[in-house]
Amino acid sequence: MFGFKGKYGVSFSLNRLIGISGLKNSIARKTGIPTTKGGIERKIGRTIINTIFGK
């Protein structure tokens, strides 16, 4: 119903509670290097394409 699929607005994350998510986020912002797998892959791909095509 309405795209929620079993989630009713309540979620819990131990990483967020401990502060790991915030720490990773602040490190990523300061260094410019993403901490997620998808972010790292995008950054590497963008770097390779820019190297090949000289942008």
PDB file of N, CA and C in Angstrom:
ATOM      1  N   MET A   1       0.835  -1.184   0.000  1.00  0.00           N
ATOM      2  CA  MET A   1       0.000   0.000   0.000  1.00  0.00           C
ATOM      3  C   MET A   1       0.876   1.243   0.000  1.00  0.00           C
ATOM      4  N   PHE A   2       0.736   2.071  -0.953  1.00  0.00           N
ATOM      5  CA  PHE A   2       1.444   3.342  -1.085  1.00  0.00           C
ATOM      6  C   PHE A   2       2.954   3.174  -1.155  1.00  0.00           C
ATOM      7  N   GLY A   3       3.453   2.011  -1.516  1.00  0.00           N
ATOM      8  CA  GLY A   3       4.883   1.822  -1.725  1.00  0.00           C
ATOM      9  C   GLY A   3       5.699   1.609  -0.472  1.00  0.00           C
ATOM     10  N   PHE A   4       5.081   1.387   0.678  1.00  0.00           N
ATOM     11  CA  PHE A   4       5.860   1.209   1.906  1.00  0.00           C
ATOM     12  C   PHE A   4       6.382  -0.216   2.050  1.00  0.00           C
ATOM     13  N   LYS A   5       5.628  -1.194   1.615  1.00  0.00           N
ATOM     14  CA  LYS A   5       6.027  -2.599   1.601  1.00  0.00           C
ATOM     15  C   LYS A   5       6.534  -3.077   2.953  1.00  0.00           C
ATOM     16  N   GLY A   6       5.723  -2.941   3.978  1.00  0.00           N
ATOM     17  CA  GLY A   6       6.074  -3.478   5.282  1.00  0.00           C
ATOM     18  C   GLY A   6       6.808  -2.524   6.197  1.00  0.00           C
ATOM     19  N   LYS A   7       7.183  -1.369   5.738  1.00  0.00           N
ATOM     20  CA  LYS A   7       7.862  -0.394   6.586  1.00  0.00           C
ATOM     21  C   LYS A   7       6.865   0.673   6.992  1.00  0.00           C
ATOM     22  N   TYR A   8       6.768   0.904   8.269  1.00  0.00           N
ATOM     23  CA  TYR A   8       5.764   1.827   8.772  1.00  0.00           C
ATOM     24  C   TYR A   8       6.384   3.052   9.446  1.00  0.00           C
ATOM     25  N   GLY A   9       7.544   3.467   9.010  1.00  0.00           N
ATOM     26  CA  GLY A   9       8.150   4.675   9.547  1.00  0.00           C
ATOM     27  C   GLY A   9       9.034   4.451  10.758  1.00  0.00           C
ATOM     28  N   VAL A  10       9.220   3.218  11.163  1.00  0.00           N
ATOM     29  CA  VAL A  10      10.071   2.918  12.306  1.00  0.00           C
ATOM     30  C   VAL A  10      11.263   2.125  11.794  1.00  0.00           C
ATOM     31  N   SER A  11      12.436   2.647  12.034  1.00  0.00           N
ATOM     32  CA  SER A  11      13.634   1.918  11.640  1.00  0.00           C
ATOM     33  C   SER A  11      14.686   2.112  12.720  1.00  0.00           C
ATOM     34  N   PHE A  12      15.596   1.171  12.805  1.00  0.00           N
ATOM     35  CA  PHE A  12      16.646   1.225  13.808  1.00  0.00           C
ATOM     36  C   PHE A  12      17.948   0.814  13.159  1.00  0.00           C
ATOM     37  N   SER A  13      18.993   1.545  13.454  1.00  0.00           N
ATOM     38  CA  SER A  13      20.303   1.210  12.939  1.00  0.00           C
ATOM     39  C   SER A  13      21.319   1.340  14.066  1.00  0.00           C
ATOM     40  N   LEU A  14      21.975   0.237  14.369  1.00  0.00           N
ATOM     41  CA  LEU A  14      22.990   0.251  15.408  1.00  0.00           C
ATOM     42  C   LEU A  14      24.157   1.161  15.011  1.00  0.00           C
ATOM     43  N   ASN A  15      24.512   1.158  13.728  1.00  0.00           N
ATOM     44  CA  ASN A  15      25.606   2.015  13.257  1.00  0.00           C
ATOM     45  C   ASN A  15      25.294   3.486  13.487  1.00  0.00           C
ATOM     46  N   ARG A  16      24.040   3.882  13.215  1.00  0.00           N
ATOM     47  CA  ARG A  16      23.664   5.280  13.448  1.00  0.00           C
ATOM     48  C   ARG A  16      23.664   5.604  14.934  1.00  0.00           C
ATOM     49  N   LEU A  17      23.219   4.648  15.761  1.00  0.00           N
ATOM     50  CA  LEU A  17      23.184   4.862  17.201  1.00  0.00           C
ATOM     51  C   LEU A  17      24.592   5.063  17.756  1.00  0.00           C
ATOM     52  N   ILE A  18      25.515   4.245  17.305  1.00  0.00           N
ATOM     53  CA  ILE A  18      26.903   4.336  17.783  1.00  0.00           C
ATOM     54  C   ILE A  18      27.610   5.558  17.201  1.00  0.00           C
ATOM     55  N   GLY A  19      27.218   5.964  15.993  1.00  0.00           N
ATOM     56  CA  GLY A  19      27.834   7.129  15.371  1.00  0.00           C
ATOM     57  C   GLY A  19      28.737   6.796  14.201  1.00  0.00           C
ATOM     58  N   ILE A  20      28.730   5.547  13.775  1.00  0.00           N
ATOM     59  CA  ILE A  20      29.593   5.139  12.667  1.00  0.00           C
ATOM     60  C   ILE A  20      29.167   5.820  11.369  1.00  0.00           C
ATOM     61  N   SER A  21      27.861   5.916  11.149  1.00  0.00           N
ATOM     62  CA  SER A  21      27.365   6.537   9.915  1.00  0.00           C
ATOM     63  C   SER A  21      27.798   7.996   9.826  1.00  0.00           C
ATOM     64  N   GLY A  22      27.680   8.724  10.917  1.00  0.00           N
ATOM     65  CA  GLY A  22      28.087  10.124  10.929  1.00  0.00           C
ATOM     66  C   GLY A  22      29.576  10.285  10.727  1.00  0.00           C
ATOM     67  N   LEU A  23      30.361   9.398  11.327  1.00  0.00           N
ATOM     68  CA  LEU A  23      31.814   9.445  11.174  1.00  0.00           C
ATOM     69  C   LEU A  23      32.217   9.200   9.728  1.00  0.00           C
ATOM     70  N   LYS A  24      31.612   8.175   9.106  1.00  0.00           N
ATOM     71  CA  LYS A  24      31.914   7.890   7.708  1.00  0.00           C
ATOM     72  C   LYS A  24      31.518   9.058   6.818  1.00  0.00           C
ATOM     73  N   ASN A  25      30.371   9.675   7.126  1.00  0.00           N
ATOM     74  CA  ASN A  25      29.899  10.810   6.339  1.00  0.00           C
ATOM     75  C   ASN A  25      30.851  11.991   6.454  1.00  0.00           C
ATOM     76  N   SER A  26      31.330  12.273   7.661  1.00  0.00           N
ATOM     77  CA  SER A  26      32.239  13.413   7.831  1.00  0.00           C
ATOM     78  C   SER A  26      33.592  13.147   7.166  1.00  0.00           C
ATOM     79  N   ILE A  27      34.064  11.909   7.225  1.00  0.00           N
ATOM     80  CA  ILE A  27      35.322  11.561   6.553  1.00  0.00           C
ATOM     81  C   ILE A  27      35.170  11.729   5.043  1.00  0.00           C
ATOM     82  N   ALA A  28      34.046  11.262   4.507  1.00  0.00           N
ATOM     83  CA  ALA A  28      33.819  11.373   3.066  1.00  0.00           C
ATOM     84  C   ALA A  28      33.761  12.832   2.639  1.00  0.00           C
ATOM     85  N   ARG A  29      33.133  13.676   3.441  1.00  0.00           N
ATOM     86  CA  ARG A  29      33.040  15.092   3.083  1.00  0.00           C
ATOM     87  C   ARG A  29      34.398  15.781   3.136  1.00  0.00           C
ATOM     88  N   LYS A  30      35.207  15.468   4.154  1.00  0.00           N
ATOM     89  CA  LYS A  30      36.508  16.133   4.308  1.00  0.00           C
ATOM     90  C   LYS A  30      37.519  15.690   3.259  1.00  0.00           C
ATOM     91  N   THR A  31      37.527  14.397   2.931  1.00  0.00           N
ATOM     92  CA  THR A  31      38.534  13.877   2.002  1.00  0.00           C
ATOM     93  C   THR A  31      38.082  13.904   0.554  1.00  0.00           C
ATOM     94  N   GLY A  32      36.770  13.928   0.333  1.00  0.00           N
ATOM     95  CA  GLY A  32      36.260  13.868  -1.027  1.00  0.00           C
ATOM     96  C   GLY A  32      36.213  12.460  -1.579  1.00  0.00           C
ATOM     97  N   ILE A  33      36.495  11.473  -0.715  1.00  0.00           N
ATOM     98  CA  ILE A  33      36.466  10.071  -1.128  1.00  0.00           C
ATOM     99  C   ILE A  33      35.225   9.429  -0.517  1.00  0.00           C
ATOM    100  N   PRO A  34      34.324   8.913  -1.339  1.00  0.00           N
ATOM    101  CA  PRO A  34      33.115   8.304  -0.801  1.00  0.00           C
ATOM    102  C   PRO A  34      33.418   7.022  -0.040  1.00  0.00           C
ATOM    103  N   THR A  35      32.562   6.673   0.918  1.00  0.00           N
ATOM    104  CA  THR A  35      32.789   5.484   1.729  1.00  0.00           C
ATOM    105  C   THR A  35      31.869   4.337   1.345  1.00  0.00           C
ATOM    106  N   THR A  36      30.947   4.559   0.422  1.00  0.00           N
ATOM    107  CA  THR A  36      30.076   3.473  -0.009  1.00  0.00           C
ATOM    108  C   THR A  36      30.672   2.799  -1.235  1.00  0.00           C
ATOM    109  N   LYS A  37      30.289   1.549  -1.436  1.00  0.00           N
ATOM    110  CA  LYS A  37      30.804   0.801  -2.585  1.00  0.00           C
ATOM    111  C   LYS A  37      30.411   1.479  -3.893  1.00  0.00           C
ATOM    112  N   GLY A  38      29.148   1.886  -3.992  1.00  0.00           N
ATOM    113  CA  GLY A  38      28.689   2.550  -5.210  1.00  0.00           C
ATOM    114  C   GLY A  38      29.384   3.874  -5.443  1.00  0.00           C
ATOM    115  N   GLY A  39      29.620   4.621  -4.386  1.00  0.00           N
ATOM    116  CA  GLY A  39      30.294   5.904  -4.518  1.00  0.00           C
ATOM    117  C   GLY A  39      31.734   5.752  -4.976  1.00  0.00           C
ATOM    118  N   ILE A  40      32.408   4.746  -4.445  1.00  0.00           N
ATOM    119  CA  ILE A  40      33.796   4.497  -4.843  1.00  0.00           C
ATOM    120  C   ILE A  40      33.854   4.080  -6.309  1.00  0.00           C
ATOM    121  N   GLU A  41      32.907   3.200  -6.714  1.00  0.00           N
ATOM    122  CA  GLU A  41      32.882   2.768  -8.116  1.00  0.00           C
ATOM    123  C   GLU A  41      32.612   3.934  -9.050  1.00  0.00           C
ATOM    124  N   ARG A  42      31.695   4.830  -8.675  1.00  0.00           N
ATOM    125  CA  ARG A  42      31.410   6.006  -9.514  1.00  0.00           C
ATOM    126  C   ARG A  42      32.624   6.903  -9.624  1.00  0.00           C
ATOM    127  N   LYS A  43      33.319   7.108  -8.504  1.00  0.00           N
ATOM    128  CA  LYS A  43      34.485   7.993  -8.518  1.00  0.00           C
ATOM    129  C   LYS A  43      35.605   7.402  -9.374  1.00  0.00           C
ATOM    130  N   ILE A  44      35.842   6.107  -9.263  1.00  0.00           N
ATOM    131  CA  ILE A  44      36.884   5.456 -10.064  1.00  0.00           C
ATOM    132  C   ILE A  44      36.524   5.514 -11.546  1.00  0.00           C
ATOM    133  N   GLY A  45      35.265   5.214 -11.864  1.00  0.00           N
ATOM    134  CA  GLY A  45      34.815   5.256 -13.257  1.00  0.00           C
ATOM    135  C   GLY A  45      34.935   6.647 -13.853  1.00  0.00           C
ATOM    136  N   ARG A  46      34.554   7.663 -13.080  1.00  0.00           N
ATOM    137  CA  ARG A  46      34.641   9.045 -13.545  1.00  0.00           C
ATOM    138  C   ARG A  46      36.094   9.426 -13.792  1.00  0.00           C
ATOM    139  N   THR A  47      36.996   8.989 -12.899  1.00  0.00           N
ATOM    140  CA  THR A  47      38.416   9.299 -13.050  1.00  0.00           C
ATOM    141  C   THR A  47      38.985   8.652 -14.309  1.00  0.00           C
ATOM    142  N   ILE A  48      38.619   7.395 -14.560  1.00  0.00           N
ATOM    143  CA  ILE A  48      39.111   6.705 -15.746  1.00  0.00           C
ATOM    144  C   ILE A  48      38.606   7.380 -17.018  1.00  0.00           C
ATOM    145  N   ILE A  49      37.322   7.695 -17.053  1.00  0.00           N
ATOM    146  CA  ILE A  49      36.744   8.350 -18.245  1.00  0.00           C
ATOM    147  C   ILE A  49      37.387   9.715 -18.475  1.00  0.00           C
ATOM    148  N   ASN A  50      37.585  10.474 -17.410  1.00  0.00           N
ATOM    149  CA  ASN A  50      38.213  11.792 -17.555  1.00  0.00           C
ATOM    150  C   ASN A  50      39.657  11.663 -18.017  1.00  0.00           C
ATOM    151  N   THR A  51      40.350  10.611 -17.593  1.00  0.00           N
ATOM    152  CA  THR A  51      41.722  10.401 -18.035  1.00  0.00           C
ATOM    153  C   THR A  51      41.763  10.048 -19.524  1.00  0.00           C
ATOM    154  N   ILE A  52      40.848   9.192 -19.947  1.00  0.00           N
ATOM    155  CA  ILE A  52      40.830   8.766 -21.345  1.00  0.00           C
ATOM    156  C   ILE A  52      40.433   9.903 -22.282  1.00  0.00           C
ATOM    157  N   PHE A  53      39.378  10.609 -21.937  1.00  0.00           N
ATOM    158  CA  PHE A  53      38.860  11.641 -22.818  1.00  0.00           C
ATOM    159  C   PHE A  53      39.362  13.060 -22.504  1.00  0.00           C
ATOM    160  N   GLY A  54      40.185  13.191 -21.477  1.00  0.00           N
ATOM    161  CA  GLY A  54      40.843  14.454 -21.197  1.00  0.00           C
ATOM    162  C   GLY A  54      39.954  15.576 -20.706  1.00  0.00           C
ATOM    163  N   LYS A  55      38.906  15.245 -19.999  1.00  0.00           N
ATOM    164  CA  LYS A  55      38.048  16.320 -19.447  1.00  0.00           C
ATOM    165  C   LYS A  55      38.539  16.754 -18.110  1.00  0.00           C
TER     166      LYS A  55
END
